[in-house]
Amino acid sequence: MTEESEPSNQEEMDELDEHLAFLSRKFSKLKFKRNLDVSKPFRKDSQTNKNFVERSKFKCFNCGMGCHIADECRKPKAEKSDRKFEPVDYKKKYFDLLKKKGRAFITQDYD
């Protein structure tokens, strides 16, 4: 009885080995296809540059130079005291604008 069961087990093992080899080949092909989208053709036109941002418009908050941002700055980080921010007195600005422009009157018409 054990002799009869061994060949069937051996056949089953061979069949499972074949299936496993097939699946591993398919998986390795899928692994590399994931990054390439074959359905869309490769284009070099304005559509590929949608996410491109012009670097010349950037200004570094660390050193004040153009063409890079603070994360990419090679100079040592500036201390907060080194930054020159003048406190703005908004109340004074508001009253200066009122004096300069004069007053506006709003009317309401009742029909």
PDB file of N, CA and C in Angstrom:
ATOM      1  N   MET A   1       0.808  -1.186   0.000  1.00  0.00           N
ATOM      2  CA  MET A   1       0.000   0.000   0.000  1.00  0.00           C
ATOM      3  C   MET A   1       0.856   1.257   0.000  1.00  0.00           C
ATOM      4  N   THR A   2       1.945   1.215   0.708  1.00  0.00           N
ATOM      5  CA  THR A   2       2.825   2.373   0.724  1.00  0.00           C
ATOM      6  C   THR A   2       3.506   2.569  -0.620  1.00  0.00           C
ATOM      7  N   GLU A   3       3.744   1.459  -1.338  1.00  0.00           N
ATOM      8  CA  GLU A   3       4.372   1.573  -2.647  1.00  0.00           C
ATOM      9  C   GLU A   3       3.458   2.265  -3.644  1.00  0.00           C
ATOM     10  N   GLU A   4       2.138   2.023  -3.546  1.00  0.00           N
ATOM     11  CA  GLU A   4       1.191   2.657  -4.451  1.00  0.00           C
ATOM     12  C   GLU A   4       1.035   4.141  -4.139  1.00  0.00           C
ATOM     13  N   SER A   5       1.089   4.498  -2.891  1.00  0.00           N
ATOM     14  CA  SER A   5       0.891   5.898  -2.518  1.00  0.00           C
ATOM     15  C   SER A   5       2.108   6.753  -2.858  1.00  0.00           C
ATOM     16  N   GLU A   6       3.288   6.157  -2.844  1.00  0.00           N
ATOM     17  CA  GLU A   6       4.497   6.920  -3.144  1.00  0.00           C
ATOM     18  C   GLU A   6       4.528   7.457  -4.574  1.00  0.00           C
ATOM     19  N   PRO A   7       4.219   6.652  -5.592  1.00  0.00           N
ATOM     20  CA  PRO A   7       4.247   7.207  -6.948  1.00  0.00           C
ATOM     21  C   PRO A   7       3.239   8.340  -7.145  1.00  0.00           C
ATOM     22  N   SER A   8       2.065   8.216  -6.574  1.00  0.00           N
ATOM     23  CA  SER A   8       1.080   9.292  -6.721  1.00  0.00           C
ATOM     24  C   SER A   8       1.563  10.556  -6.011  1.00  0.00           C
ATOM     25  N   ASN A   9       2.215  10.391  -4.853  1.00  0.00           N
ATOM     26  CA  ASN A   9       2.772  11.553  -4.161  1.00  0.00           C
ATOM     27  C   ASN A   9       3.893  12.179  -4.973  1.00  0.00           C
ATOM     28  N   GLN A  10       4.699  11.327  -5.608  1.00  0.00           N
ATOM     29  CA  GLN A  10       5.801  11.831  -6.427  1.00  0.00           C
ATOM     30  C   GLN A  10       5.260  12.594  -7.638  1.00  0.00           C
ATOM     31  N   GLU A  11       4.195  12.046  -8.251  1.00  0.00           N
ATOM     32  CA  GLU A  11       3.579  12.730  -9.390  1.00  0.00           C
ATOM     33  C   GLU A  11       2.980  14.067  -8.960  1.00  0.00           C
ATOM     34  N   GLU A  12       2.323  14.057  -7.810  1.00  0.00           N
ATOM     35  CA  GLU A  12       1.747  15.302  -7.293  1.00  0.00           C
ATOM     36  C   GLU A  12       2.836  16.329  -6.992  1.00  0.00           C
ATOM     37  N   MET A  13       3.937  15.865  -6.438  1.00  0.00           N
ATOM     38  CA  MET A  13       5.048  16.770  -6.127  1.00  0.00           C
ATOM     39  C   MET A  13       5.645  17.364  -7.406  1.00  0.00           C
ATOM     40  N   ASP A  14       5.784  16.526  -8.445  1.00  0.00           N
ATOM     41  CA  ASP A  14       6.304  17.022  -9.723  1.00  0.00           C
ATOM     42  C   ASP A  14       5.359  18.060 -10.334  1.00  0.00           C
ATOM     43  N   GLU A  15       4.075  17.766 -10.248  1.00  0.00           N
ATOM     44  CA  GLU A  15       3.079  18.693 -10.787  1.00  0.00           C
ATOM     45  C   GLU A  15       3.091  20.018 -10.015  1.00  0.00           C
ATOM     46  N   LEU A  16       3.194  19.925  -8.696  1.00  0.00           N
ATOM     47  CA  LEU A  16       3.273  21.143  -7.888  1.00  0.00           C
ATOM     48  C   LEU A  16       4.542  21.939  -8.188  1.00  0.00           C
ATOM     49  N   ASP A  17       5.643  21.238  -8.422  1.00  0.00           N
ATOM     50  CA  ASP A  17       6.891  21.913  -8.789  1.00  0.00           C
ATOM     51  C   ASP A  17       6.744  22.668 -10.104  1.00  0.00           C
ATOM     52  N   GLU A  18       6.057  22.041 -11.073  1.00  0.00           N
ATOM     53  CA  GLU A  18       5.836  22.701 -12.361  1.00  0.00           C
ATOM     54  C   GLU A  18       4.981  23.956 -12.191  1.00  0.00           C
ATOM     55  N   HIS A  19       3.919  23.846 -11.390  1.00  0.00           N
ATOM     56  CA  HIS A  19       3.044  25.000 -11.148  1.00  0.00           C
ATOM     57  C   HIS A  19       3.801  26.125 -10.433  1.00  0.00           C
ATOM     58  N   LEU A  20       4.612  25.735  -9.484  1.00  0.00           N
ATOM     59  CA  LEU A  20       5.386  26.729  -8.741  1.00  0.00           C
ATOM     60  C   LEU A  20       6.400  27.433  -9.646  1.00  0.00           C
ATOM     61  N   ALA A  21       7.030  26.686 -10.521  1.00  0.00           N
ATOM     62  CA  ALA A  21       7.977  27.278 -11.464  1.00  0.00           C
ATOM     63  C   ALA A  21       7.257  28.224 -12.418  1.00  0.00           C
ATOM     64  N   PHE A  22       6.071  27.812 -12.888  1.00  0.00           N
ATOM     65  CA  PHE A  22       5.280  28.658 -13.777  1.00  0.00           C
ATOM     66  C   PHE A  22       4.886  29.964 -13.089  1.00  0.00           C
ATOM     67  N   LEU A  23       4.405  29.856 -11.853  1.00  0.00           N
ATOM     68  CA  LEU A  23       4.003  31.053 -11.109  1.00  0.00           C
ATOM     69  C   LEU A  23       5.184  31.977 -10.829  1.00  0.00           C
ATOM     70  N   SER A  24       6.326  31.413 -10.527  1.00  0.00           N
ATOM     71  CA  SER A  24       7.492  32.257 -10.254  1.00  0.00           C
ATOM     72  C   SER A  24       7.945  32.993 -11.515  1.00  0.00           C
ATOM     73  N   ARG A  25       7.849  32.337 -12.690  1.00  0.00           N
ATOM     74  CA  ARG A  25       8.195  33.015 -13.943  1.00  0.00           C
ATOM     75  C   ARG A  25       7.225  34.156 -14.218  1.00  0.00           C
ATOM     76  N   LYS A  26       5.933  33.908 -14.034  1.00  0.00           N
ATOM     77  CA  LYS A  26       4.923  34.942 -14.262  1.00  0.00           C
ATOM     78  C   LYS A  26       5.107  36.104 -13.290  1.00  0.00           C
ATOM     79  N   PHE A  27       5.407  35.794 -12.042  1.00  0.00           N
ATOM     80  CA  PHE A  27       5.594  36.838 -11.039  1.00  0.00           C
ATOM     81  C   PHE A  27       6.794  37.715 -11.369  1.00  0.00           C
ATOM     82  N   SER A  28       7.875  37.109 -11.815  1.00  0.00           N
ATOM     83  CA  SER A  28       9.064  37.901 -12.144  1.00  0.00           C
ATOM     84  C   SER A  28       8.795  38.815 -13.333  1.00  0.00           C
ATOM     85  N   LYS A  29       7.973  38.386 -14.280  1.00  0.00           N
ATOM     86  CA  LYS A  29       7.612  39.251 -15.404  1.00  0.00           C
ATOM     87  C   LYS A  29       6.724  40.401 -14.939  1.00  0.00           C
ATOM     88  N   LEU A  30       5.787  40.126 -14.041  1.00  0.00           N
ATOM     89  CA  LEU A  30       4.899  41.168 -13.532  1.00  0.00           C
ATOM     90  C   LEU A  30       5.655  42.198 -12.710  1.00  0.00           C
ATOM     91  N   LYS A  31       6.651  41.757 -11.996  1.00  0.00           N
ATOM     92  CA  LYS A  31       7.413  42.656 -11.135  1.00  0.00           C
ATOM     93  C   LYS A  31       8.052  43.772 -11.952  1.00  0.00           C
ATOM     94  N   PHE A  32       8.541  43.465 -13.133  1.00  0.00           N
ATOM     95  CA  PHE A  32       9.201  44.465 -13.958  1.00  0.00           C
ATOM     96  C   PHE A  32       8.224  45.248 -14.826  1.00  0.00           C
ATOM     97  N   LYS A  33       7.069  44.700 -15.122  1.00  0.00           N
ATOM     98  CA  LYS A  33       6.086  45.403 -15.934  1.00  0.00           C
ATOM     99  C   LYS A  33       5.361  46.485 -15.148  1.00  0.00           C
ATOM    100  N   ARG A  34       5.394  46.426 -13.854  1.00  0.00           N
ATOM    101  CA  ARG A  34       4.641  47.360 -13.031  1.00  0.00           C
ATOM    102  C   ARG A  34       5.102  48.796 -13.261  1.00  0.00           C
ATOM    103  N   ASN A  35       6.387  49.018 -13.463  1.00  0.00           N
ATOM    104  CA  ASN A  35       6.913  50.361 -13.643  1.00  0.00           C
ATOM    105  C   ASN A  35       6.702  50.893 -15.054  1.00  0.00           C
ATOM    106  N   LEU A  36       6.542  50.026 -16.025  1.00  0.00           N
ATOM    107  CA  LEU A  36       6.363  50.449 -17.406  1.00  0.00           C
ATOM    108  C   LEU A  36       4.904  50.314 -17.792  1.00  0.00           C
ATOM    109  N   ASP A  37       4.316  51.394 -18.281  1.00  0.00           N
ATOM    110  CA  ASP A  37       2.944  51.341 -18.738  1.00  0.00           C
ATOM    111  C   ASP A  37       2.966  51.225 -20.255  1.00  0.00           C
ATOM    112  N   VAL A  38       2.732  50.025 -20.758  1.00  0.00           N
ATOM    113  CA  VAL A  38       2.849  49.749 -22.180  1.00  0.00           C
ATOM    114  C   VAL A  38       1.678  50.343 -22.948  1.00  0.00           C
ATOM    115  N   SER A  39       0.537  50.514 -22.307  1.00  0.00           N
ATOM    116  CA  SER A  39      -0.640  50.995 -23.014  1.00  0.00           C
ATOM    117  C   SER A  39      -0.503  52.454 -23.441  1.00  0.00           C
ATOM    118  N   LYS A  40       0.310  53.260 -22.749  1.00  0.00           N
ATOM    119  CA  LYS A  40       0.486  54.667 -23.102  1.00  0.00           C
ATOM    120  C   LYS A  40       1.812  54.847 -23.834  1.00  0.00           C
ATOM    121  N   PRO A  41       1.780  55.474 -24.997  1.00  0.00           N
ATOM    122  CA  PRO A  41       3.043  55.706 -25.705  1.00  0.00           C
ATOM    123  C   PRO A  41       3.872  56.777 -25.009  1.00  0.00           C
ATOM    124  N   PHE A  42       5.173  56.671 -25.166  1.00  0.00           N
ATOM    125  CA  PHE A  42       6.091  57.634 -24.559  1.00  0.00           C
ATOM    126  C   PHE A  42       6.069  58.918 -25.373  1.00  0.00           C
ATOM    127  N   ARG A  43       5.841  60.055 -24.704  1.00  0.00           N
ATOM    128  CA  ARG A  43       5.782  61.339 -25.404  1.00  0.00           C
ATOM    129  C   ARG A  43       6.760  62.315 -24.786  1.00  0.00           C
ATOM    130  N   LYS A  44       7.331  63.130 -25.643  1.00  0.00           N
ATOM    131  CA  LYS A  44       8.181  64.224 -25.179  1.00  0.00           C
ATOM    132  C   LYS A  44       7.557  65.519 -25.666  1.00  0.00           C
ATOM    133  N   ASP A  45       6.486  65.921 -25.049  1.00  0.00           N
ATOM    134  CA  ASP A  45       5.861  67.182 -25.417  1.00  0.00           C
ATOM    135  C   ASP A  45       5.444  67.911 -24.154  1.00  0.00           C
ATOM    136  N   SER A  46       4.563  68.860 -24.306  1.00  0.00           N
ATOM    137  CA  SER A  46       4.185  69.699 -23.169  1.00  0.00           C
ATOM    138  C   SER A  46       3.480  68.916 -22.073  1.00  0.00           C
ATOM    139  N   GLN A  47       2.889  67.776 -22.393  1.00  0.00           N
ATOM    140  CA  GLN A  47       2.188  67.003 -21.372  1.00  0.00           C
ATOM    141  C   GLN A  47       3.145  66.439 -20.335  1.00  0.00           C
ATOM    142  N   THR A  48       4.355  66.137 -20.726  1.00  0.00           N
ATOM    143  CA  THR A  48       5.306  65.592 -19.761  1.00  0.00           C
ATOM    144  C   THR A  48       5.857  66.679 -18.857  1.00  0.00           C
ATOM    145  N   ASN A  49       5.746  67.936 -19.255  1.00  0.00           N
ATOM    146  CA  ASN A  49       6.290  69.041 -18.476  1.00  0.00           C
ATOM    147  C   ASN A  49       5.244  69.716 -17.597  1.00  0.00           C
ATOM    148  N   LYS A  50       4.106  69.086 -17.373  1.00  0.00           N
ATOM    149  CA  LYS A  50       3.065  69.691 -16.551  1.00  0.00           C
ATOM    150  C   LYS A  50       3.533  69.899 -15.114  1.00  0.00           C
ATOM    151  N   ASN A  51       4.273  68.951 -14.578  1.00  0.00           N
ATOM    152  CA  ASN A  51       4.717  69.036 -13.194  1.00  0.00           C
ATOM    153  C   ASN A  51       6.042  69.763 -13.052  1.00  0.00           C
ATOM    154  N   PHE A  52       6.619  70.213 -14.149  1.00  0.00           N
ATOM    155  CA  PHE A  52       7.901  70.906 -14.108  1.00  0.00           C
ATOM    156  C   PHE A  52       7.689  72.334 -13.620  1.00  0.00           C
ATOM    157  N   VAL A  53       8.472  72.752 -12.643  1.00  0.00           N
ATOM    158  CA  VAL A  53       8.377  74.098 -12.092  1.00  0.00           C
ATOM    159  C   VAL A  53       9.675  74.819 -12.403  1.00  0.00           C
ATOM    160  N   GLU A  54       9.556  76.050 -12.848  1.00  0.00           N
ATOM    161  CA  GLU A  54      10.743  76.817 -13.206  1.00  0.00           C
ATOM    162  C   GLU A  54      11.493  77.225 -11.942  1.00  0.00           C
ATOM    163  N   ARG A  55      12.724  76.763 -11.816  1.00  0.00           N
ATOM    164  CA  ARG A  55      13.529  76.978 -10.619  1.00  0.00           C
ATOM    165  C   ARG A  55      14.006  78.422 -10.481  1.00  0.00           C
ATOM    166  N   SER A  56      14.046  79.174 -11.567  1.00  0.00           N
ATOM    167  CA  SER A  56      14.562  80.537 -11.486  1.00  0.00           C
ATOM    168  C   SER A  56      13.631  81.447 -10.686  1.00  0.00           C
ATOM    169  N   LYS A  57      12.391  81.025 -10.490  1.00  0.00           N
ATOM    170  CA  LYS A  57      11.447  81.838  -9.726  1.00  0.00           C
ATOM    171  C   LYS A  57      11.570  81.622  -8.223  1.00  0.00           C
ATOM    172  N   PHE A  58      12.309  80.599  -7.803  1.00  0.00           N
ATOM    173  CA  PHE A  58      12.459  80.315  -6.380  1.00  0.00           C
ATOM    174  C   PHE A  58      13.461  81.256  -5.739  1.00  0.00           C
ATOM    175  N   LYS A  59      13.272  81.480  -4.457  1.00  0.00           N
ATOM    176  CA  LYS A  59      14.229  82.248  -3.671  1.00  0.00           C
ATOM    177  C   LYS A  59      14.426  81.505  -2.352  1.00  0.00           C
ATOM    178  N   CYS A  60      15.676  81.275  -2.008  1.00  0.00           N
ATOM    179  CA  CYS A  60      16.001  80.539  -0.797  1.00  0.00           C
ATOM    180  C   CYS A  60      15.706  81.409   0.421  1.00  0.00           C
ATOM    181  N   PHE A  61      14.997  80.859   1.402  1.00  0.00           N
ATOM    182  CA  PHE A  61      14.719  81.597   2.631  1.00  0.00           C
ATOM    183  C   PHE A  61      15.930  81.605   3.555  1.00  0.00           C
ATOM    184  N   ASN A  62      16.887  80.754   3.288  1.00  0.00           N
ATOM    185  CA  ASN A  62      18.069  80.668   4.132  1.00  0.00           C
ATOM    186  C   ASN A  62      19.107  81.719   3.739  1.00  0.00           C
ATOM    187  N   CYS A  63      19.516  81.732   2.464  1.00  0.00           N
ATOM    188  CA  CYS A  63      20.588  82.644   2.046  1.00  0.00           C
ATOM    189  C   CYS A  63      20.085  83.788   1.178  1.00  0.00           C
ATOM    190  N   GLY A  64      18.868  83.697   0.665  1.00  0.00           N
ATOM    191  CA  GLY A  64      18.308  84.765  -0.146  1.00  0.00           C
ATOM    192  C   GLY A  64      18.664  84.686  -1.619  1.00  0.00           C
ATOM    193  N   MET A  65      19.438  83.695  -2.022  1.00  0.00           N
ATOM    194  CA  MET A  65      19.817  83.545  -3.425  1.00  0.00           C
ATOM    195  C   MET A  65      18.694  82.850  -4.195  1.00  0.00           C
ATOM    196  N   GLY A  66      18.723  82.967  -5.515  1.00  0.00           N
ATOM    197  CA  GLY A  66      17.711  82.356  -6.355  1.00  0.00           C
ATOM    198  C   GLY A  66      18.101  80.967  -6.799  1.00  0.00           C
ATOM    199  N   CYS A  67      17.207  80.324  -7.495  1.00  0.00           N
ATOM    200  CA  CYS A  67      17.411  79.026  -8.165  1.00  0.00           C
ATOM    201  C   CYS A  67      17.484  77.825  -7.234  1.00  0.00           C
ATOM    202  N   HIS A  68      17.264  77.968  -5.962  1.00  0.00           N
ATOM    203  CA  HIS A  68      17.162  76.797  -5.088  1.00  0.00           C
ATOM    204  C   HIS A  68      16.286  77.148  -3.889  1.00  0.00           C
ATOM    205  N   ILE A  69      15.910  76.113  -3.136  1.00  0.00           N
ATOM    206  CA  ILE A  69      15.084  76.320  -1.951  1.00  0.00           C
ATOM    207  C   ILE A  69      15.916  76.024  -0.716  1.00  0.00           C
ATOM    208  N   ALA A  70      15.381  76.328   0.449  1.00  0.00           N
ATOM    209  CA  ALA A  70      16.142  76.216   1.694  1.00  0.00           C
ATOM    210  C   ALA A  70      16.576  74.781   1.981  1.00  0.00           C
ATOM    211  N   ASP A  71      15.787  73.790   1.587  1.00  0.00           N
ATOM    212  CA  ASP A  71      16.173  72.393   1.810  1.00  0.00           C
ATOM    213  C   ASP A  71      17.428  72.021   1.033  1.00  0.00           C
ATOM    214  N   GLU A  72      17.638  72.651  -0.120  1.00  0.00           N
ATOM    215  CA  GLU A  72      18.788  72.334  -0.963  1.00  0.00           C
ATOM    216  C   GLU A  72      19.952  73.296  -0.749  1.00  0.00           C
ATOM    217  N   CYS A  73      19.830  74.227   0.177  1.00  0.00           N
ATOM    218  CA  CYS A  73      20.854  75.252   0.387  1.00  0.00           C
ATOM    219  C   CYS A  73      22.109  74.628   0.988  1.00  0.00           C
ATOM    220  N   ARG A  74      23.267  75.019   0.449  1.00  0.00           N
ATOM    221  CA  ARG A  74      24.536  74.467   0.917  1.00  0.00           C
ATOM    222  C   ARG A  74      25.152  75.301   2.028  1.00  0.00           C
ATOM    223  N   LYS A  75      24.647  76.487   2.232  1.00  0.00           N
ATOM    224  CA  LYS A  75      25.177  77.338   3.292  1.00  0.00           C
ATOM    225  C   LYS A  75      24.609  76.881   4.630  1.00  0.00           C
ATOM    226  N   PRO A  76      25.313  77.171   5.733  1.00  0.00           N
ATOM    227  CA  PRO A  76      24.776  76.774   7.044  1.00  0.00           C
ATOM    228  C   PRO A  76      23.465  77.495   7.325  1.00  0.00           C
ATOM    229  N   LYS A  77      22.630  76.833   8.108  1.00  0.00           N
ATOM    230  CA  LYS A  77      21.322  77.406   8.400  1.00  0.00           C
ATOM    231  C   LYS A  77      21.459  78.713   9.149  1.00  0.00           C
ATOM    232  N   ALA A  78      20.688  79.688   8.722  1.00  0.00           N
ATOM    233  CA  ALA A  78      20.727  81.005   9.344  1.00  0.00           C
ATOM    234  C   ALA A  78      19.932  80.972  10.644  1.00  0.00           C
ATOM    235  N   GLU A  79      20.410  81.700  11.616  1.00  0.00           N
ATOM    236  CA  GLU A  79      19.686  81.824  12.880  1.00  0.00           C
ATOM    237  C   GLU A  79      18.485  82.743  12.670  1.00  0.00           C
ATOM    238  N   LYS A  80      17.499  82.603  13.521  1.00  0.00           N
ATOM    239  CA  LYS A  80      16.318  83.446  13.387  1.00  0.00           C
ATOM    240  C   LYS A  80      16.644  84.913  13.627  1.00  0.00           C
ATOM    241  N   SER A  81      17.635  85.175  14.459  1.00  0.00           N
ATOM    242  CA  SER A  81      17.998  86.563  14.733  1.00  0.00           C
ATOM    243  C   SER A  81      18.687  87.206  13.530  1.00  0.00           C
ATOM    244  N   ASP A  82      19.282  86.397  12.645  1.00  0.00           N
ATOM    245  CA  ASP A  82      19.951  86.930  11.459  1.00  0.00           C
ATOM    246  C   ASP A  82      18.959  87.412  10.409  1.00  0.00           C
ATOM    247  N   ARG A  83      17.789  86.870  10.430  1.00  0.00           N
ATOM    248  CA  ARG A  83      16.788  87.263   9.448  1.00  0.00           C
ATOM    249  C   ARG A  83      16.283  88.654   9.787  1.00  0.00           C
ATOM    250  N   LYS A  84      16.165  89.461   8.776  1.00  0.00           N
ATOM    251  CA  LYS A  84      15.769  90.851   8.991  1.00  0.00           C
ATOM    252  C   LYS A  84      14.301  91.029   8.635  1.00  0.00           C
ATOM    253  N   PHE A  85      13.466  90.904   9.633  1.00  0.00           N
ATOM    254  CA  PHE A  85      12.049  91.159   9.470  1.00  0.00           C
ATOM    255  C   PHE A  85      11.701  92.370  10.320  1.00  0.00           C
ATOM    256  N   GLU A  86      11.117  93.347   9.681  1.00  0.00           N
ATOM    257  CA  GLU A  86      10.703  94.524  10.438  1.00  0.00           C
ATOM    258  C   GLU A  86       9.275  94.306  10.911  1.00  0.00           C
ATOM    259  N   PRO A  87       9.016  94.578  12.176  1.00  0.00           N
ATOM    260  CA  PRO A  87       7.641  94.435  12.648  1.00  0.00           C
ATOM    261  C   PRO A  87       6.753  95.484  11.974  1.00  0.00           C
ATOM    262  N   VAL A  88       5.589  95.057  11.574  1.00  0.00           N
ATOM    263  CA  VAL A  88       4.685  95.944  10.859  1.00  0.00           C
ATOM    264  C   VAL A  88       3.623  96.427  11.833  1.00  0.00           C
ATOM    265  N   ASP A  89       3.454  97.719  11.880  1.00  0.00           N
ATOM    266  CA  ASP A  89       2.417  98.305  12.716  1.00  0.00           C
ATOM    267  C   ASP A  89       1.192  98.529  11.833  1.00  0.00           C
ATOM    268  N   TYR A  90       0.303  97.531  11.832  1.00  0.00           N
ATOM    269  CA  TYR A  90      -0.846  97.583  10.944  1.00  0.00           C
ATOM    270  C   TYR A  90      -1.823  98.682  11.347  1.00  0.00           C
ATOM    271  N   LYS A  91      -1.913  98.951  12.615  1.00  0.00           N
ATOM    272  CA  LYS A  91      -2.831  99.988  13.076  1.00  0.00           C
ATOM    273  C   LYS A  91      -2.403 101.348  12.529  1.00  0.00           C
ATOM    274  N   LYS A  92      -1.109 101.619  12.577  1.00  0.00           N
ATOM    275  CA  LYS A  92      -0.590 102.884  12.064  1.00  0.00           C
ATOM    276  C   LYS A  92      -0.800 102.963  10.553  1.00  0.00           C
ATOM    277  N   LYS A  93      -0.555 101.862   9.849  1.00  0.00           N
ATOM    278  CA  LYS A  93      -0.766 101.843   8.403  1.00  0.00           C
ATOM    279  C   LYS A  93      -2.223 102.121   8.054  1.00  0.00           C
ATOM    280  N   TYR A  94      -3.127 101.551   8.831  1.00  0.00           N
ATOM    281  CA  TYR A  94      -4.553 101.729   8.576  1.00  0.00           C
ATOM    282  C   TYR A  94      -4.944 103.195   8.711  1.00  0.00           C
ATOM    283  N   PHE A  95      -4.502 103.836   9.783  1.00  0.00           N
ATOM    284  CA  PHE A  95      -4.864 105.237   9.986  1.00  0.00           C
ATOM    285  C   PHE A  95      -4.171 106.150   8.982  1.00  0.00           C
ATOM    286  N   ASP A  96      -2.962 105.804   8.569  1.00  0.00           N
ATOM    287  CA  ASP A  96      -2.288 106.589   7.536  1.00  0.00           C
ATOM    288  C   ASP A  96      -3.051 106.518   6.218  1.00  0.00           C
ATOM    289  N   LEU A  97      -3.558 105.349   5.891  1.00  0.00           N
ATOM    290  CA  LEU A  97      -4.345 105.212   4.666  1.00  0.00           C
ATOM    291  C   LEU A  97      -5.649 105.992   4.751  1.00  0.00           C
ATOM    292  N   LEU A  98      -6.274 105.985   5.931  1.00  0.00           N
ATOM    293  CA  LEU A  98      -7.511 106.746   6.086  1.00  0.00           C
ATOM    294  C   LEU A  98      -7.258 108.238   5.896  1.00  0.00           C
ATOM    295  N   LYS A  99      -6.168 108.737   6.445  1.00  0.00           N
ATOM    296  CA  LYS A  99      -5.845 110.156   6.308  1.00  0.00           C
ATOM    297  C   LYS A  99      -5.518 110.501   4.861  1.00  0.00           C
ATOM    298  N   LYS A 100      -4.820 109.610   4.201  1.00  0.00           N
ATOM    299  CA  LYS A 100      -4.374 109.878   2.837  1.00  0.00           C
ATOM    300  C   LYS A 100      -5.535 109.869   1.846  1.00  0.00           C
ATOM    301  N   LYS A 101      -6.416 108.896   1.953  1.00  0.00           N
ATOM    302  CA  LYS A 101      -7.476 108.727   0.969  1.00  0.00           C
ATOM    303  C   LYS A 101      -8.735 109.510   1.318  1.00  0.00           C
ATOM    304  N   GLY A 102      -8.912 109.878   2.533  1.00  0.00           N
ATOM    305  CA  GLY A 102     -10.148 110.549   2.906  1.00  0.00           C
ATOM    306  C   GLY A 102     -11.180 109.532   3.331  1.00  0.00           C
ATOM    307  N   ARG A 103     -12.407 109.988   3.344  1.00  0.00           N
ATOM    308  CA  ARG A 103     -13.488 109.107   3.792  1.00  0.00           C
ATOM    309  C   ARG A 103     -14.459 108.849   2.659  1.00  0.00           C
ATOM    310  N   ALA A 104     -15.081 107.703   2.731  1.00  0.00           N
ATOM    311  CA  ALA A 104     -16.107 107.354   1.753  1.00  0.00           C
ATOM    312  C   ALA A 104     -17.419 107.195   2.501  1.00  0.00           C
ATOM    313  N   PHE A 105     -18.477 107.738   1.916  1.00  0.00           N
ATOM    314  CA  PHE A 105     -19.790 107.632   2.531  1.00  0.00           C
ATOM    315  C   PHE A 105     -20.619 106.639   1.731  1.00  0.00           C
ATOM    316  N   ILE A 106     -21.363 105.842   2.449  1.00  0.00           N
ATOM    317  CA  ILE A 106     -22.208 104.843   1.812  1.00  0.00           C
ATOM    318  C   ILE A 106     -23.644 105.290   1.988  1.00  0.00           C
ATOM    319  N   THR A 107     -24.379 105.278   0.894  1.00  0.00           N
ATOM    320  CA  THR A 107     -25.785 105.666   0.965  1.00  0.00           C
ATOM    321  C   THR A 107     -26.639 104.453   0.672  1.00  0.00           C
ATOM    322  N   GLN A 108     -27.838 104.532   1.180  1.00  0.00           N
ATOM    323  CA  GLN A 108     -28.765 103.443   0.952  1.00  0.00           C
ATOM    324  C   GLN A 108     -30.038 104.060   0.407  1.00  0.00           C
ATOM    325  N   ASP A 109     -30.538 103.501  -0.667  1.00  0.00           N
ATOM    326  CA  ASP A 109     -31.721 104.046  -1.320  1.00  0.00           C
ATOM    327  C   ASP A 109     -32.914 103.165  -0.987  1.00  0.00           C
ATOM    328  N   TYR A 110     -33.965 103.786  -0.516  1.00  0.00           N
ATOM    329  CA  TYR A 110     -35.201 103.059  -0.221  1.00  0.00           C
ATOM    330  C   TYR A 110     -36.232 103.428  -1.269  1.00  0.00           C
ATOM    331  N   ASP A 111     -36.729 102.466  -1.987  1.00  0.00           N
ATOM    332  CA  ASP A 111     -37.775 102.734  -2.989  1.00  0.00           C
ATOM    333  C   ASP A 111     -39.123 102.401  -2.462  1.00  0.00           C
TER     334      ASP A 111
END
